[in-house]
C-alpha atoms as a PDB file:
ATOM      1  CA  MET A   1      50.420  69.792 107.028  1.00  0.00           C
ATOM      2  CA  ARG A   2      52.824  66.996 106.868  1.00  0.00           C
ATOM      3  CA  GLY A   3      55.366  66.787 109.738  1.00  0.00           C
ATOM      4  CA  GLN A   4      53.251  68.789 112.178  1.00  0.00           C
ATOM      5  CA  ALA A   5      51.221  67.225 114.966  1.00  0.00           C
ATOM      6  CA  ARG A   6      47.681  68.285 115.774  1.00  0.00           C
ATOM      7  CA  THR A   7      46.650  68.899 119.352  1.00  0.00           C
ATOM      8  CA  ALA A   8      43.375  67.758 120.921  1.00  0.00           C
ATOM      9  CA  HIS A   9      41.693  70.977 119.819  1.00  0.00           C
ATOM     10  CA  GLY A  10      42.793  70.627 116.225  1.00  0.00           C
ATOM     11  CA  ALA A  11      45.554  73.278 116.317  1.00  0.00           C
ATOM     12  CA  VAL A  12      48.987  72.646 114.901  1.00  0.00           C
ATOM     13  CA  GLY A  13      51.604  72.005 117.648  1.00  0.00           C
ATOM     14  CA  ASP A  14      54.896  73.922 117.777  1.00  0.00           C
ATOM     15  CA  GLN A  15      57.666  71.419 117.062  1.00  0.00           C
ATOM     16  CA  GLU A  16      60.288  74.169 116.716  1.00  0.00           C
ATOM     17  CA  GLU A  17      60.183  75.092 120.373  1.00  0.00           C
ATOM     18  CA  GLY A  18      63.592  76.255 121.603  1.00  0.00           C
ATOM     19  CA  SER A  19      64.960  77.467 118.264  1.00  0.00           C
ATOM     20  CA  VAL A  20      64.081  81.055 119.156  1.00  0.00           C
ATOM     21  CA  LEU A  21      66.036  80.644 122.393  1.00  0.00           C
ATOM     22  CA  LEU A  22      69.128  79.497 120.465  1.00  0.00           C
ATOM     23  CA  LEU A  23      68.770  82.379 118.029  1.00  0.00           C
ATOM     24  CA  THR A  24      68.436  84.855 120.888  1.00  0.00           C
ATOM     25  CA  LEU A  25      71.467  83.370 122.632  1.00  0.00           C
ATOM     26  CA  GLY A  26      73.478  83.686 119.410  1.00  0.00           C
ATOM     27  CA  TYR A  27      72.525  87.346 119.030  1.00  0.00           C
ATOM     28  CA  VAL A  28      73.401  88.042 122.667  1.00  0.00           C
ATOM     29  CA  LEU A  29      76.851  86.485 122.203  1.00  0.00           C
ATOM     30  CA  LEU A  30      77.371  88.472 119.009  1.00  0.00           C
ATOM     31  CA  ALA A  31      76.307  91.688 120.763  1.00  0.00           C
ATOM     32  CA  LEU A  32      78.707  90.997 123.653  1.00  0.00           C
ATOM     33  CA  ALA A  33      81.573  90.389 121.226  1.00  0.00           C
ATOM     34  CA  VAL A  34      80.814  93.662 119.413  1.00  0.00           C
ATOM     35  CA  ILE A  35      80.604  95.542 122.730  1.00  0.00           C
ATOM     36  CA  PHE A  36      83.951  94.085 123.891  1.00  0.00           C
ATOM     37  CA  VAL A  37      85.650  95.053 120.620  1.00  0.00           C
ATOM     38  CA  CYS A  38      84.157  98.563 120.701  1.00  0.00           C
ATOM     39  CA  VAL A  39      85.275  99.106 124.308  1.00  0.00           C
ATOM     40  CA  CYS A  40      88.794  97.934 123.454  1.00  0.00           C
ATOM     41  CA  ALA A  41      88.938 100.062 120.292  1.00  0.00           C
ATOM     42  CA  THR A  42      87.816 103.129 122.242  1.00  0.00           C
ATOM     43  CA  ASP A  43      90.408 102.495 124.943  1.00  0.00           C
ATOM     44  CA  LEU A  44      93.122 102.068 122.281  1.00  0.00           C
ATOM     45  CA  TYR A  45      92.113 105.382 120.667  1.00  0.00           C
ATOM     46  CA  ILE A  46      92.212 107.178 124.022  1.00  0.00           C
ATOM     47  CA  ALA A  47      95.602 105.626 124.858  1.00  0.00           C
ATOM     48  CA  GLN A  48      97.017 106.860 121.532  1.00  0.00           C
ATOM     49  CA  LYS A  49      95.656 110.368 122.150  1.00  0.00           C
ATOM     50  CA  ARG A  50      97.215 110.399 125.633  1.00  0.00           C
ATOM     51  CA  LEU A  51     100.534 109.332 124.138  1.00  0.00           C
ATOM     52  CA  ASP A  52     100.225 112.088 121.517  1.00  0.00           C
ATOM     53  CA  ALA A  53      99.645 114.651 124.288  1.00  0.00           C
ATOM     54  CA  LEU A  54     102.621 113.281 126.222  1.00  0.00           C
ATOM     55  CA  ALA A  55     104.842 113.541 123.150  1.00  0.00           C
ATOM     56  CA  ASP A  56     103.645 117.119 122.584  1.00  0.00           C
ATOM     57  CA  SER A  57     104.477 117.992 126.199  1.00  0.00           C
ATOM     58  CA  ALA A  58     107.905 116.374 125.976  1.00  0.00           C
ATOM     59  CA  ALA A  59     108.691 118.210 122.726  1.00  0.00           C
ATOM     60  CA  LEU A  60     107.568 121.510 124.251  1.00  0.00           C
ATOM     61  CA  ALA A  61     109.761 120.867 127.282  1.00  0.00           C
ATOM     62  CA  GLY A  62     112.630 119.924 124.957  1.00  0.00           C
ATOM     63  CA  ALA A  63     112.244 123.222 123.089  1.00  0.00           C
ATOM     64  CA  ASP A  64     112.874 124.977 126.418  1.00  0.00           C
ATOM     65  CA  GLY A  65     116.349 123.448 126.562  1.00  0.00           C
ATOM     66  CA  PHE A  66     117.846 126.147 124.395  1.00  0.00           C
ATOM     67  CA  THR A  67     121.018 128.117 124.949  1.00  0.00           C
ATOM     68  CA  LEU A  68     121.470 131.717 123.910  1.00  0.00           C
ATOM     69  CA  ALA A  69     124.083 132.391 121.262  1.00  0.00           C
ATOM     70  CA  VAL A  70     125.276 135.865 120.304  1.00  0.00           C
ATOM     71  CA  TYR A  71     126.353 136.440 116.711  1.00  0.00           C
ATOM     72  CA  ASP A  72     127.606 139.980 115.944  1.00  0.00           C
ATOM     73  CA  ASP A  73     124.640 142.147 116.895  1.00  0.00           C
ATOM     74  CA  SER A  74     121.988 139.411 117.063  1.00  0.00           C
ATOM     75  CA  VAL A  75     120.990 136.930 119.721  1.00  0.00           C
ATOM     76  CA  ARG A  76     119.725 133.502 118.750  1.00  0.00           C
ATOM     77  CA  ALA A  77     118.209 130.605 120.723  1.00  0.00           C
ATOM     78  CA  GLU A  78     119.895 127.342 119.772  1.00  0.00           C
ATOM     79  CA  LEU A  79     118.913 123.811 120.674  1.00  0.00           C
ATOM     80  CA  THR A  80     121.254 120.877 121.146  1.00  0.00           C
ATOM     81  CA  ASP A  81     120.403 117.191 121.187  1.00  0.00           C
ATOM     82  CA  ALA A  82     121.616 116.941 124.778  1.00  0.00           C
ATOM     83  CA  GLY A  83     119.511 119.923 125.887  1.00  0.00           C
ATOM     84  CA  VAL A  84     116.344 118.562 124.252  1.00  0.00           C
ATOM     85  CA  GLU A  85     116.889 115.104 125.724  1.00  0.00           C
ATOM     86  CA  GLU A  86     117.613 116.485 129.196  1.00  0.00           C
ATOM     87  CA  GLN A  87     114.438 118.585 129.297  1.00  0.00           C
ATOM     88  CA  ALA A  88     112.255 115.810 127.860  1.00  0.00           C
ATOM     89  CA  ASP A  89     113.664 113.279 130.352  1.00  0.00           C
ATOM     90  CA  ALA A  90     112.994 115.672 133.227  1.00  0.00           C
ATOM     91  CA  LEU A  91     109.360 115.947 132.179  1.00  0.00           C
ATOM     92  CA  MET A  92     108.933 112.194 131.703  1.00  0.00           C
ATOM     93  CA  SER A  93     110.413 111.398 135.103  1.00  0.00           C
ATOM     94  CA  ALA A  94     107.930 113.790 136.759  1.00  0.00           C
ATOM     95  CA  LEU A  95     104.893 112.160 135.148  1.00  0.00           C
ATOM     96  CA  PRO A  96     103.415 108.771 136.048  1.00  0.00           C
ATOM     97  CA  GLY A  97     103.030 106.102 133.413  1.00  0.00           C
ATOM     98  CA  GLU A  98     104.879 103.466 131.499  1.00  0.00           C
ATOM     99  CA  ALA A  99     105.786 105.564 128.466  1.00  0.00           C
ATOM    100  CA  SER A 100     109.422 106.017 127.562  1.00  0.00           C
ATOM    101  CA  ILE A 101     111.359 108.292 125.257  1.00  0.00           C
ATOM    102  CA  THR A 102     112.799 106.427 122.301  1.00  0.00           C
ATOM    103  CA  ALA A 103     114.344 109.445 120.554  1.00  0.00           C
ATOM    104  CA  ALA A 104     114.901 113.083 121.428  1.00  0.00           C
ATOM    105  CA  GLY A 105     116.925 115.621 119.536  1.00  0.00           C
ATOM    106  CA  THR A 106     116.995 118.560 117.195  1.00  0.00           C
ATOM    107  CA  PRO A 107     117.323 118.188 113.436  1.00  0.00           C
ATOM    108  CA  ASP A 108     118.079 121.858 112.711  1.00  0.00           C
ATOM    109  CA  GLY A 109     118.957 123.629 115.969  1.00  0.00           C
ATOM    110  CA  VAL A 110     115.567 125.330 116.398  1.00  0.00           C
ATOM    111  CA  THR A 111     113.171 122.360 116.347  1.00  0.00           C
ATOM    112  CA  ALA A 112     112.837 119.830 119.148  1.00  0.00           C
ATOM    113  CA  ARG A 113     111.651 116.379 118.023  1.00  0.00           C
ATOM    114  CA  VAL A 114     110.681 113.795 120.639  1.00  0.00           C
ATOM    115  CA  THR A 115     109.402 110.249 120.073  1.00  0.00           C
ATOM    116  CA  VAL A 116     107.566 108.506 122.912  1.00  0.00           C
ATOM    117  CA  ALA A 117     106.554 104.827 123.011  1.00  0.00           C
ATOM    118  CA  ALA A 118     104.301 102.720 125.208  1.00  0.00           C
ATOM    119  CA  GLU A 119     102.444  99.424 125.062  1.00  0.00           C
ATOM    120  CA  TRP A 120      98.656  99.224 125.212  1.00  0.00           C
ATOM    121  CA  HIS A 121      96.847  96.362 126.915  1.00  0.00           C
ATOM    122  CA  PRO A 122      93.092  95.848 126.451  1.00  0.00           C
ATOM    123  CA  PRO A 123      90.848  96.641 129.431  1.00  0.00           C
ATOM    124  CA  LEU A 124      88.640  93.596 128.737  1.00  0.00           C
ATOM    125  CA  VAL A 125      89.869  90.123 127.983  1.00  0.00           C
ATOM    126  CA  SER A 126      88.666  89.136 124.544  1.00  0.00           C
ATOM    127  CA  VAL A 127      89.761  86.612 121.942  1.00  0.00           C
ATOM    128  CA  PHE A 128      89.042  89.215 119.251  1.00  0.00           C
ATOM    129  CA  VAL A 129      91.599  91.778 120.477  1.00  0.00           C
ATOM    130  CA  PRO A 130      95.396  91.300 120.696  1.00  0.00           C
ATOM    131  CA  ASP A 131      96.945  91.254 124.177  1.00  0.00           C
ATOM    132  CA  GLY A 132      99.450  94.076 123.693  1.00  0.00           C
ATOM    133  CA  VAL A 133      99.854  96.691 120.986  1.00  0.00           C
ATOM    134  CA  PRO A 134     102.972  98.885 120.765  1.00  0.00           C
ATOM    135  CA  LEU A 135     102.132 102.570 120.399  1.00  0.00           C
ATOM    136  CA  GLU A 136     104.443 105.362 119.312  1.00  0.00           C
ATOM    137  CA  SER A 137     104.043 109.097 118.887  1.00  0.00           C
ATOM    138  CA  THR A 138     106.400 111.764 117.558  1.00  0.00           C
ATOM    139  CA  ALA A 139     105.970 115.475 118.198  1.00  0.00           C
ATOM    140  CA  THR A 140     107.924 118.562 117.243  1.00  0.00           C
ATOM    141  CA  SER A 141     108.156 122.006 118.777  1.00  0.00           C
ATOM    142  CA  ARG A 142     110.078 125.047 117.565  1.00  0.00           C
ATOM    143  CA  THR A 143     111.816 127.601 119.690  1.00  0.00           C
ATOM    144  CA  ALA A 144     111.963 131.230 118.711  1.00  0.00           C
ATOM    145  CA  LEU A 145     113.515 134.317 120.272  1.00  0.00           C
ATOM    146  CA  ARG A 146     112.004 137.675 119.381  1.00  0.00           C
END
């Protein structure tokens, strides 16, 4: 029993007093860091899903910007880049938020494609999470006349 002191009753004294407190403090700090990162990751996921829903809504609104075109005996709904952008901008201006349209148009005359961008900021300040993350979402919607 070298290095350990005996008490008056003959028992070995605890010379490592306080090491459990440091270990507990270390685990608490690690748990807090993990909780902060998980909260920020969850908020980032939810922000991306909200941006996806906003892009879907803007593309759906853009698909409503069609004009009717008559060819011989058939009628066809046609989209233009200006019509898609106008409808998507009207929707975005009616909704709150910091998202903006980066691209809106139609690649083939029947599909509206809208790209929306925003920047995410973490809800909790943490040295493990970046301050701002750019997010982007692209959605498409087709128009059809039957």
